[in-house]
Amino acid sequence: MIKINLYMLNRHCRGRPVCLPGRIHRFATTNRIIKQISMKGYNKIMKSGKDFNRAQKFIPGGVNSPVRAFGSVGLSPVFIEKGKDSKIYDVKGNEFIDYVCSWGPLILGHCHPKVSAAVKDAAKRGSSFGAPTIAETQLAEMICGAFKSIDKVRLVSSGTEAVMTAIRLARAFTGRNYILKMAGCYHGHSDSMLVNAGSGSAEFSKPLCPGVPEQISNLTLVAEYNNVDSAAKIFEKFKNKIAACIIEPVAANMGVVLPKPGYLQALRNLCDENKAILIFDEVITGFRLCYGGAQKIFGVRPDITCLGKIVGGGLPCAAVGGRAKIMNMLAPVGAVYQAGTLSGNPLATAATIETLKILKNGKIYSKLEENSKYLEKGMTEAAKNSNIPLKINRIGSLMSCFFTQYKVQNFQDVKKANVKLFKAFFAGMLKRGVYLAPSPFEAMFVSAAHSKKDIAKTIFAAQNTFDKI
């Protein structure tokens, strides 16, 4: 834990970043800084061996989601006891600055007092009814108000379920069967989407998951992300057969990869020309980049939007929404069947409503941008000081570190990055009390709970890690 007063040191450095080595060595000796830093508890990587062995006896791989197993970094997973604000604590009591934030949902940090109070209050009245509640309507109204492309919305329980419903709607609305996706984009684990995906499936290099019939996977077509010509050629080859084009407007499951200027609008145009549905998977970007998602930032309206993570406020909740004409095809109004026992349950809706109330205040996003920019700049300079090839892709509070000297604009670029360097970086940061996603294909999430001191400590840990590498 850093014991030095970073704010005072920053003032001494006249506002310049305190954790950039050039600044530190200029205003204080290395020994002086080191003496004021205690790495106790992080002098070796925490391995929860007994806990992991026990879990593997009863849970496949010992985890309930593959990437949690730490397989791609060659370590045993850290078992978490609790979280508070920007920190998480493992079962041994060790503290970590958390940049996973439950893989994105916790934009306000852990145990935000207003969100926790809302959930506690809702729990007193009941956790599930399987019947309509006013809170569901309130949440739906808030989502429709935040996204101009959404007239109506259906609440579900996961991002996978939202995408699955969106694809079913697109096929029913167009009367077509083929779906176009982009290489490296991950849209959940439903059968038709586990083709050339990113995230955990990219990590394990399985473009087609066993158990998915070829008849289903053959209906999914794959274009290159950020390549309009690639998508155009597929639309031409499968003319009048493609029901929808689905894309993460900002790819965040092969690491963060931003769309090139005009790319999303070009896809919008292609869909219009071919009378296909454009689906934005904003499970990660929705409410993360701004109150209105990536589509607001880039000025492109999809026909259907899939939301998740933040839309659950830390609880299991997701949503699929879009134009009224499409959404009205869902039962009980239309013939497209979709149902869920726990959809829109009182605990999740309470957490989400409170979260969205807080996010509607634009000051949150300004703070997120400021801190994320500070983190990006500091880590970039730290890598440069140690001659480590590093490219950071960032938009708002969403960012990724790629160990390469080249630009990263698609899945092929991602796969060229140095995975061995990432493993060393991950292990070094974990030793120093910084918890990152245990995969080179995942994003870093900065929350509103991260302080300047957290960011400064993270940059300092990065510099020490890079020096060791």
Protein backbone atom coordinates (compact mmCIF):
# COMPACT_ATOMS: atom_id res chain seq x y z
CA MET A 1 0.00 0.00 0.00
CA ILE A 2 1.37 3.45 -0.87
CA LYS A 3 1.95 5.47 2.26
CA ILE A 4 3.47 8.53 0.66
CA ASN A 5 1.14 11.50 0.28
CA LEU A 6 0.87 11.48 -3.52
CA TYR A 7 -1.09 14.71 -3.56
CA MET A 8 1.65 16.58 -1.72
CA LEU A 9 4.29 15.11 -4.01
CA ASN A 10 2.18 16.10 -7.01
CA ARG A 11 2.01 19.66 -5.71
CA HIS A 12 5.78 19.61 -5.23
CA CYS A 13 6.07 18.57 -8.89
CA ARG A 14 3.87 21.55 -9.86
CA GLY A 15 1.01 19.49 -11.18
CA ARG A 16 3.07 17.08 -13.23
CA PRO A 17 2.23 13.35 -12.89
CA VAL A 18 4.03 12.06 -9.82
CA CYS A 19 4.33 8.46 -10.94
CA LEU A 20 6.17 9.03 -14.16
CA PRO A 21 9.72 7.97 -13.35
CA GLY A 22 11.35 11.02 -14.88
CA ARG A 23 9.34 13.23 -12.53
CA ILE A 24 9.99 11.10 -9.48
CA HIS A 25 13.73 10.92 -10.02
CA ARG A 26 13.86 14.64 -10.65
CA PHE A 27 12.24 15.66 -7.36
CA ALA A 28 13.04 12.77 -5.02
CA THR A 29 15.55 9.97 -4.94
CA THR A 30 14.45 6.46 -5.80
CA ASN A 31 15.46 5.22 -2.35
CA ARG A 32 13.34 7.83 -0.63
CA ILE A 33 10.27 6.77 -2.57
CA ILE A 34 10.87 3.06 -2.08
CA LYS A 35 11.23 3.48 1.67
CA GLN A 36 7.73 4.93 1.79
CA ILE A 37 6.14 2.12 -0.15
CA SER A 38 5.11 -1.12 1.51
CA MET A 39 4.63 -4.09 -0.79
CA LYS A 40 3.80 -6.38 2.10
CA GLY A 41 1.18 -8.85 1.00
CA TYR A 42 2.13 -8.43 -2.67
CA ASN A 43 5.70 -9.75 -2.61
CA LYS A 44 4.41 -12.84 -4.36
CA ILE A 45 1.34 -13.63 -6.43
CA MET A 46 -1.54 -14.74 -4.26
CA LYS A 47 -2.45 -18.32 -5.10
CA SER A 48 -5.68 -19.57 -3.51
CA GLY A 49 -4.61 -23.17 -4.03
CA LYS A 50 -6.87 -24.94 -1.54
CA ASP A 51 -9.91 -22.88 -2.50
CA PHE A 52 -9.34 -23.53 -6.20
CA ASN A 53 -8.81 -27.26 -5.70
CA ARG A 54 -12.04 -27.48 -3.74
CA ALA A 55 -13.94 -25.54 -6.40
CA GLN A 56 -12.66 -27.82 -9.17
CA LYS A 57 -14.20 -30.83 -7.44
CA PHE A 58 -17.70 -29.43 -7.85
CA ILE A 59 -17.54 -26.81 -10.64
CA PRO A 60 -16.16 -27.49 -14.15
CA GLY A 61 -12.71 -25.90 -14.14
CA GLY A 62 -13.45 -24.46 -10.71
CA VAL A 63 -15.15 -21.39 -12.17
CA ASN A 64 -18.56 -20.35 -13.46
CA SER A 65 -17.18 -18.38 -16.41
CA PRO A 66 -14.02 -19.60 -18.24
CA VAL A 67 -11.84 -16.48 -18.19
CA ARG A 68 -12.01 -16.37 -14.38
CA ALA A 69 -9.78 -19.45 -14.22
CA PHE A 70 -6.63 -17.34 -14.97
CA GLY A 71 -5.68 -19.98 -17.56
CA SER A 72 -4.27 -17.53 -20.09
CA VAL A 73 -1.92 -16.01 -17.50
CA GLY A 74 -0.75 -19.33 -16.07
CA LEU A 75 -1.81 -18.64 -12.49
CA SER A 76 -4.44 -19.79 -10.05
CA PRO A 77 -7.39 -17.42 -9.64
CA VAL A 78 -7.70 -15.00 -6.75
CA PHE A 79 -10.80 -15.76 -4.68
CA ILE A 80 -12.58 -12.55 -3.72
CA GLU A 81 -14.13 -11.96 -0.30
CA LYS A 82 -15.56 -8.45 -0.71
CA GLY A 83 -15.35 -5.16 -2.54
CA LYS A 84 -15.64 -1.52 -1.58
CA ASP A 85 -15.39 1.54 -3.84
CA SER A 86 -12.39 0.97 -6.17
CA LYS A 87 -10.95 -1.95 -4.20
CA ILE A 88 -11.50 -5.67 -3.89
CA TYR A 89 -10.19 -7.93 -1.13
CA ASP A 90 -9.29 -11.59 -1.47
CA VAL A 91 -10.01 -14.33 1.08
CA LYS A 92 -6.59 -13.67 2.67
CA GLY A 93 -7.41 -10.01 3.21
CA ASN A 94 -5.13 -8.63 0.49
CA GLU A 95 -6.26 -5.38 -1.13
CA PHE A 96 -6.29 -4.76 -4.88
CA ILE A 97 -7.22 -1.75 -6.99
CA ASP A 98 -9.88 -3.26 -9.25
CA TYR A 99 -9.93 -2.54 -13.00
CA VAL A 100 -12.21 -5.47 -13.82
CA CYS A 101 -15.22 -4.08 -11.97
CA SER A 102 -17.13 -7.32 -12.50
CA TRP A 103 -16.23 -7.08 -16.23
CA GLY A 104 -17.85 -3.67 -16.61
CA PRO A 105 -21.13 -3.36 -14.66
CA LEU A 106 -19.70 -1.53 -11.64
CA ILE A 107 -19.21 1.90 -13.19
CA LEU A 108 -19.90 3.46 -9.78
CA GLY A 109 -17.56 1.09 -7.97
CA HIS A 110 -18.26 -1.59 -5.41
CA CYS A 111 -21.05 -1.20 -2.85
CA HIS A 112 -22.14 2.29 -3.84
CA PRO A 113 -24.21 3.40 -0.82
CA LYS A 114 -27.26 4.53 -2.82
CA VAL A 115 -27.33 1.41 -4.98
CA SER A 116 -26.84 -0.89 -1.99
CA ALA A 117 -29.61 0.89 -0.09
CA ALA A 118 -31.98 0.56 -3.06
CA VAL A 119 -31.34 -3.19 -3.31
CA LYS A 120 -31.73 -3.67 0.43
CA ASP A 121 -35.00 -1.76 0.40
CA ALA A 122 -36.31 -3.80 -2.54
CA ALA A 123 -35.30 -7.08 -0.87
CA LYS A 124 -37.53 -6.24 2.08
CA ARG A 125 -40.52 -6.29 -0.26
CA GLY A 126 -39.58 -9.46 -2.13
CA SER A 127 -36.90 -10.72 -4.52
CA SER A 128 -39.10 -12.02 -7.33
CA PHE A 129 -42.80 -12.11 -8.21
CA GLY A 130 -43.03 -13.37 -11.78
CA ALA A 131 -45.55 -10.59 -12.30
CA PRO A 132 -45.40 -6.99 -13.57
CA THR A 133 -44.03 -4.26 -11.29
CA ILE A 134 -43.98 -0.48 -11.58
CA ALA A 135 -40.19 -0.57 -11.33
CA GLU A 136 -39.97 -2.49 -14.62
CA THR A 137 -41.93 0.21 -16.38
CA GLN A 138 -39.82 2.93 -14.76
CA LEU A 139 -36.59 1.27 -15.90
CA ALA A 140 -37.92 0.70 -19.42
CA GLU A 141 -38.92 4.36 -19.62
CA MET A 142 -35.42 5.44 -18.52
CA ILE A 143 -33.75 3.24 -21.15
CA CYS A 144 -36.02 4.50 -23.92
CA GLY A 145 -35.31 8.05 -22.81
CA ALA A 146 -31.55 7.50 -22.95
CA PHE A 147 -31.43 5.90 -26.42
CA LYS A 148 -33.12 7.67 -29.32
CA SER A 149 -33.10 4.42 -31.31
CA ILE A 150 -35.19 2.59 -28.71
CA ASP A 151 -38.98 2.97 -28.77
CA LYS A 152 -39.68 -0.13 -26.72
CA VAL A 153 -37.54 -2.46 -24.64
CA ARG A 154 -37.77 -5.99 -23.24
CA LEU A 155 -35.88 -6.74 -20.03
CA VAL A 156 -33.99 -10.05 -19.86
CA SER A 157 -31.37 -11.53 -17.55
CA SER A 158 -28.08 -11.55 -19.52
CA GLY A 159 -26.33 -10.08 -22.52
CA THR A 160 -26.36 -13.47 -24.24
CA GLU A 161 -30.13 -13.60 -23.87
CA ALA A 162 -30.49 -10.06 -25.23
CA VAL A 163 -28.46 -10.92 -28.35
CA MET A 164 -30.29 -14.19 -28.86
CA THR A 165 -33.61 -12.34 -28.77
CA ALA A 166 -32.35 -9.60 -31.10
CA ILE A 167 -31.27 -12.16 -33.71
CA ARG A 168 -34.58 -13.99 -33.49
CA LEU A 169 -36.42 -10.71 -33.97
CA ALA A 170 -34.27 -9.76 -36.96
CA ARG A 171 -34.88 -13.10 -38.65
CA ALA A 172 -38.60 -12.92 -38.02
CA PHE A 173 -38.85 -9.29 -39.20
CA THR A 174 -36.93 -9.85 -42.45
CA GLY A 175 -37.86 -13.46 -43.18
CA ARG A 176 -34.17 -14.20 -43.74
CA ASN A 177 -31.75 -16.55 -41.97
CA TYR A 178 -28.16 -15.29 -42.35
CA ILE A 179 -26.47 -13.10 -39.73
CA LEU A 180 -23.33 -11.06 -40.43
CA LYS A 181 -20.89 -10.49 -37.56
CA MET A 182 -17.35 -9.14 -37.28
CA ALA A 183 -14.26 -11.21 -36.51
CA GLY A 184 -13.24 -10.78 -32.87
CA CYS A 185 -16.56 -9.37 -31.69
CA TYR A 186 -18.17 -11.42 -28.93
CA HIS A 187 -21.94 -11.51 -28.58
CA GLY A 188 -22.52 -14.07 -25.87
CA HIS A 189 -22.44 -17.85 -25.95
CA SER A 190 -25.57 -18.66 -27.96
CA ASP A 191 -24.92 -21.19 -30.74
CA SER A 192 -25.07 -18.88 -33.74
CA MET A 193 -22.67 -16.33 -32.23
CA LEU A 194 -19.80 -18.63 -31.26
CA VAL A 195 -18.12 -18.21 -34.62
CA ASN A 196 -14.82 -16.33 -34.83
CA ALA A 197 -15.57 -14.55 -31.56
CA GLY A 198 -13.34 -12.62 -29.22
CA SER A 199 -13.17 -12.67 -25.41
CA GLY A 200 -12.84 -16.10 -23.80
CA SER A 201 -13.40 -17.93 -27.09
CA ALA A 202 -10.58 -15.97 -28.71
CA GLU A 203 -8.38 -16.80 -25.78
CA PHE A 204 -8.89 -20.51 -26.37
CA SER A 205 -8.57 -20.17 -30.17
CA LYS A 206 -11.82 -21.96 -30.90
CA PRO A 207 -13.55 -20.28 -33.83
CA LEU A 208 -16.29 -22.89 -33.68
CA CYS A 209 -17.31 -24.29 -30.31
CA PRO A 210 -17.91 -28.06 -30.04
CA GLY A 211 -21.59 -28.76 -29.61
CA VAL A 212 -22.64 -26.12 -32.13
CA PRO A 213 -24.15 -27.86 -35.21
CA GLU A 214 -22.65 -26.83 -38.54
CA GLN A 215 -26.15 -26.12 -39.83
CA ILE A 216 -26.38 -23.30 -37.29
CA SER A 217 -22.84 -21.94 -37.55
CA ASN A 218 -23.11 -21.89 -41.35
CA LEU A 219 -25.82 -19.25 -41.02
CA THR A 220 -23.33 -16.85 -39.43
CA LEU A 221 -21.11 -14.91 -41.83
CA VAL A 222 -17.93 -13.17 -40.68
CA ALA A 223 -16.43 -9.92 -41.97
CA GLU A 224 -13.32 -8.07 -40.80
CA TYR A 225 -13.89 -5.38 -38.20
CA ASN A 226 -13.18 -1.86 -39.50
CA ASN A 227 -13.22 -3.11 -43.12
CA VAL A 228 -16.29 -1.84 -44.99
CA ASP A 229 -15.31 -3.61 -48.20
CA SER A 230 -15.22 -6.94 -46.38
CA ALA A 231 -18.83 -6.48 -45.22
CA ALA A 232 -19.95 -5.13 -48.62
CA LYS A 233 -18.61 -8.20 -50.44
CA ILE A 234 -20.53 -10.52 -48.12
CA PHE A 235 -23.74 -8.54 -48.57
CA GLU A 236 -23.26 -8.85 -52.33
CA LYS A 237 -22.51 -12.57 -52.22
CA PHE A 238 -25.52 -13.28 -50.00
CA LYS A 239 -27.83 -10.74 -51.60
CA ASN A 240 -31.31 -10.63 -50.06
CA LYS A 241 -30.38 -13.42 -47.63
CA ILE A 242 -28.87 -11.49 -44.68
CA ALA A 243 -31.31 -10.73 -41.87
CA ALA A 244 -28.99 -8.59 -39.75
CA CYS A 245 -25.53 -7.23 -39.21
CA ILE A 246 -24.52 -7.34 -35.54
CA ILE A 247 -21.52 -5.46 -34.18
CA GLU A 248 -20.00 -4.06 -31.03
CA PRO A 249 -19.84 -0.37 -32.06
CA VAL A 250 -16.63 -0.25 -30.03
CA ALA A 251 -15.16 -3.72 -29.95
CA ALA A 252 -14.36 -4.59 -26.35
CA ASN A 253 -14.03 -8.36 -26.30
CA MET A 254 -10.84 -8.66 -28.33
CA GLY A 255 -9.50 -5.87 -26.24
CA VAL A 256 -10.74 -2.37 -26.97
CA VAL A 257 -10.70 -1.57 -30.70
CA LEU A 258 -12.29 1.68 -31.84
CA PRO A 259 -14.21 2.00 -35.11
CA LYS A 260 -12.53 3.99 -37.87
CA PRO A 261 -14.20 7.31 -38.78
CA GLY A 262 -17.25 6.61 -40.93
CA TYR A 263 -17.14 2.83 -40.45
CA LEU A 264 -20.34 2.50 -38.43
CA GLN A 265 -22.24 4.82 -40.77
CA ALA A 266 -21.06 2.75 -43.73
CA LEU A 267 -22.50 -0.37 -42.08
CA ARG A 268 -25.74 1.54 -41.48
CA ASN A 269 -25.86 2.39 -45.18
CA LEU A 270 -25.15 -1.21 -46.22
CA CYS A 271 -27.98 -2.48 -44.03
CA ASP A 272 -30.38 0.10 -45.45
CA GLU A 273 -29.40 -0.73 -49.03
CA ASN A 274 -29.90 -4.46 -48.40
CA LYS A 275 -32.99 -4.09 -46.19
CA ALA A 276 -31.19 -5.78 -43.31
CA ILE A 277 -31.40 -5.00 -39.60
CA LEU A 278 -28.45 -3.27 -37.90
CA ILE A 279 -27.92 -4.55 -34.36
CA PHE A 280 -25.60 -2.74 -31.95
CA ASP A 281 -24.32 -4.93 -29.14
CA GLU A 282 -23.85 -2.29 -26.46
CA VAL A 283 -23.70 -4.76 -23.59
CA ILE A 284 -20.35 -3.22 -22.65
CA THR A 285 -20.57 0.29 -24.12
CA GLY A 286 -24.16 1.07 -23.16
CA PHE A 287 -24.10 3.70 -20.37
CA ARG A 288 -20.32 3.15 -20.14
CA LEU A 289 -19.19 5.77 -22.67
CA CYS A 290 -22.02 8.20 -22.04
CA TYR A 291 -25.70 8.31 -21.12
CA GLY A 292 -26.87 7.02 -24.47
CA GLY A 293 -24.04 4.68 -25.41
CA ALA A 294 -21.68 4.49 -28.35
CA GLN A 295 -24.48 5.20 -30.80
CA LYS A 296 -24.87 8.67 -29.33
CA ILE A 297 -21.15 9.38 -29.57
CA PHE A 298 -20.82 8.19 -33.16
CA GLY A 299 -24.20 9.49 -34.30
CA VAL A 300 -25.39 6.21 -35.84
CA ARG A 301 -28.75 4.69 -34.95
CA PRO A 302 -29.17 0.92 -35.05
CA ASP A 303 -32.52 -0.83 -35.47
CA ILE A 304 -32.00 -2.98 -32.39
CA THR A 305 -29.77 -2.39 -29.36
CA CYS A 306 -28.60 -5.01 -26.87
CA LEU A 307 -27.75 -3.79 -23.37
CA GLY A 308 -26.30 -5.48 -20.30
CA LYS A 309 -23.72 -5.12 -17.52
CA ILE A 310 -24.29 -1.51 -16.33
CA VAL A 311 -27.99 -1.94 -17.08
CA GLY A 312 -28.05 -4.42 -14.19
CA GLY A 313 -26.41 -2.10 -11.68
CA GLY A 314 -24.27 -5.03 -10.52
CA LEU A 315 -27.10 -7.57 -10.61
CA PRO A 316 -28.20 -9.94 -13.41
CA CYS A 317 -30.21 -7.81 -15.82
CA ALA A 318 -30.01 -6.97 -19.53
CA ALA A 319 -32.27 -5.58 -22.21
CA VAL A 320 -33.05 -5.65 -25.91
CA GLY A 321 -34.75 -2.64 -27.46
CA GLY A 322 -35.44 -1.01 -30.79
CA ARG A 323 -38.00 0.33 -33.19
CA ALA A 324 -41.59 -0.25 -32.10
CA LYS A 325 -42.46 -2.07 -35.32
CA ILE A 326 -39.74 -4.64 -34.63
CA MET A 327 -40.25 -4.91 -30.86
CA ASN A 328 -44.01 -5.42 -31.26
CA MET A 329 -43.24 -8.75 -32.91
CA LEU A 330 -42.45 -10.13 -29.44
CA ALA A 331 -45.10 -12.18 -27.65
CA PRO A 332 -47.68 -11.51 -26.32
CA VAL A 333 -48.23 -8.81 -28.97
CA GLY A 334 -46.59 -10.73 -31.81
CA ALA A 335 -45.61 -14.30 -32.62
CA VAL A 336 -41.88 -14.19 -31.69
CA TYR A 337 -41.64 -16.03 -28.40
CA GLN A 338 -39.34 -14.93 -25.58
CA ALA A 339 -39.79 -15.39 -21.84
CA GLY A 340 -37.85 -15.36 -18.59
CA THR A 341 -38.87 -16.13 -15.01
CA LEU A 342 -36.49 -13.62 -13.43
CA SER A 343 -36.62 -10.95 -16.14
CA GLY A 344 -36.99 -7.51 -14.60
CA ASN A 345 -36.79 -8.86 -11.04
CA PRO A 346 -37.20 -6.28 -8.26
CA LEU A 347 -33.62 -6.40 -6.98
CA ALA A 348 -32.03 -5.83 -10.38
CA THR A 349 -34.45 -3.10 -11.40
CA ALA A 350 -33.89 -1.30 -8.10
CA ALA A 351 -30.09 -1.39 -8.58
CA THR A 352 -30.32 -0.24 -12.18
CA ILE A 353 -32.76 2.60 -11.60
CA GLU A 354 -30.54 4.02 -8.86
CA THR A 355 -27.43 3.60 -11.00
CA LEU A 356 -28.97 5.34 -14.00
CA LYS A 357 -30.22 8.20 -11.83
CA ILE A 358 -26.63 8.85 -10.76
CA LEU A 359 -25.22 8.44 -14.27
CA LYS A 360 -27.67 10.91 -15.73
CA ASN A 361 -25.56 13.58 -14.07
CA GLY A 362 -22.93 14.26 -16.73
CA LYS A 363 -20.29 15.10 -14.12
CA ILE A 364 -19.69 11.38 -13.62
CA TYR A 365 -18.55 10.96 -17.22
CA SER A 366 -16.30 14.01 -17.03
CA LYS A 367 -14.54 12.52 -14.01
CA LEU A 368 -14.23 9.15 -15.73
CA GLU A 369 -12.67 10.76 -18.81
CA GLU A 370 -10.21 12.79 -16.74
CA ASN A 371 -9.00 9.85 -14.66
CA SER A 372 -8.89 7.44 -17.61
CA LYS A 373 -6.86 9.90 -19.67
CA TYR A 374 -4.44 10.31 -16.75
CA LEU A 375 -4.07 6.52 -16.48
CA GLU A 376 -3.53 6.09 -20.22
CA LYS A 377 -0.89 8.82 -20.38
CA GLY A 378 0.96 7.59 -17.30
CA MET A 379 1.11 3.94 -18.37
CA THR A 380 2.15 4.87 -21.90
CA GLU A 381 5.05 6.97 -20.64
CA ALA A 382 6.01 4.32 -18.08
CA ALA A 383 6.29 1.72 -20.85
CA LYS A 384 8.28 4.15 -22.99
CA ASN A 385 10.73 4.76 -20.14
CA SER A 386 11.41 1.01 -19.97
CA ASN A 387 11.48 0.48 -23.76
CA ILE A 388 8.40 -1.73 -23.62
CA PRO A 389 6.31 -1.70 -26.83
CA LEU A 390 2.82 -0.66 -25.73
CA LYS A 391 -0.25 0.66 -27.50
CA ILE A 392 -3.24 1.68 -25.41
CA ASN A 393 -6.62 1.87 -27.11
CA ARG A 394 -9.05 3.96 -25.09
CA ILE A 395 -12.43 5.61 -25.33
CA GLY A 396 -13.82 7.13 -22.16
CA SER A 397 -13.37 4.77 -19.21
CA LEU A 398 -12.83 1.75 -21.45
CA MET A 399 -9.27 0.84 -22.41
CA SER A 400 -6.86 -1.97 -23.31
CA CYS A 401 -3.11 -2.50 -23.25
CA PHE A 402 -1.63 -4.17 -26.34
CA PHE A 403 2.05 -5.06 -26.22
CA THR A 404 2.92 -4.09 -29.76
CA GLN A 405 4.46 -1.13 -31.57
CA TYR A 406 1.75 -1.12 -34.25
CA LYS A 407 -1.78 0.25 -34.38
CA VAL A 408 -4.50 -2.19 -33.33
CA GLN A 409 -7.58 -1.84 -35.55
CA ASN A 410 -8.94 -5.37 -35.98
CA PHE A 411 -8.74 -8.94 -34.70
CA GLN A 412 -5.68 -9.76 -36.82
CA ASP A 413 -3.81 -6.84 -35.24
CA VAL A 414 -4.88 -8.01 -31.78
CA LYS A 415 -3.50 -11.50 -32.35
CA LYS A 416 -0.09 -10.07 -33.31
CA ALA A 417 0.39 -8.47 -29.88
CA ASN A 418 2.92 -10.07 -27.51
CA VAL A 419 0.96 -12.34 -25.15
CA LYS A 420 4.08 -13.30 -23.16
CA LEU A 421 4.63 -9.65 -22.26
CA PHE A 422 1.02 -9.38 -21.18
CA LYS A 423 1.39 -12.39 -18.87
CA ALA A 424 4.45 -10.85 -17.23
CA PHE A 425 2.67 -7.51 -16.95
CA PHE A 426 -0.41 -9.09 -15.38
CA ALA A 427 1.63 -11.02 -12.82
CA GLY A 428 3.70 -7.96 -11.92
CA MET A 429 0.65 -5.76 -11.46
CA LEU A 430 -1.08 -8.39 -9.33
CA LYS A 431 2.01 -8.57 -7.10
CA ARG A 432 1.77 -4.83 -6.64
CA GLY A 433 -1.88 -4.78 -5.70
CA VAL A 434 -3.48 -3.97 -9.07
CA TYR A 435 -6.16 -6.36 -10.33
CA LEU A 436 -6.49 -6.51 -14.13
CA ALA A 437 -8.53 -8.80 -16.35
CA PRO A 438 -6.60 -12.12 -16.60
CA SER A 439 -6.68 -12.13 -20.40
CA PRO A 440 -5.03 -10.07 -23.16
CA PHE A 441 -8.41 -10.02 -24.94
CA GLU A 442 -10.30 -8.15 -22.23
CA ALA A 443 -10.72 -4.50 -21.34
CA MET A 444 -9.77 -2.39 -18.34
CA PHE A 445 -12.67 -0.55 -16.70
CA VAL A 446 -12.18 2.67 -14.75
CA SER A 447 -14.98 3.42 -12.31
CA ALA A 448 -16.22 6.62 -10.73
CA ALA A 449 -14.83 5.27 -7.45
CA HIS A 450 -11.23 5.30 -8.70
CA SER A 451 -9.39 8.25 -7.21
CA LYS A 452 -6.37 10.18 -8.45
CA LYS A 453 -4.40 8.36 -5.77
CA ASP A 454 -5.55 4.99 -7.16
CA ILE A 455 -4.48 6.03 -10.65
CA ALA A 456 -1.11 7.31 -9.40
CA LYS A 457 -0.45 4.08 -7.54
CA THR A 458 -1.40 2.07 -10.63
CA ILE A 459 1.04 4.02 -12.82
CA PHE A 460 3.78 3.58 -10.22
CA ALA A 461 3.07 -0.18 -10.13
CA ALA A 462 3.20 -0.27 -13.92
CA GLN A 463 6.57 1.46 -14.01
CA ASN A 464 8.03 -0.97 -11.48
CA THR A 465 6.58 -3.90 -13.42
CA PHE A 466 7.94 -2.64 -16.73
CA ASP A 467 11.36 -2.13 -15.14
CA LYS A 468 11.37 -5.77 -13.98
CA ILE A 469 10.24 -7.00 -17.41
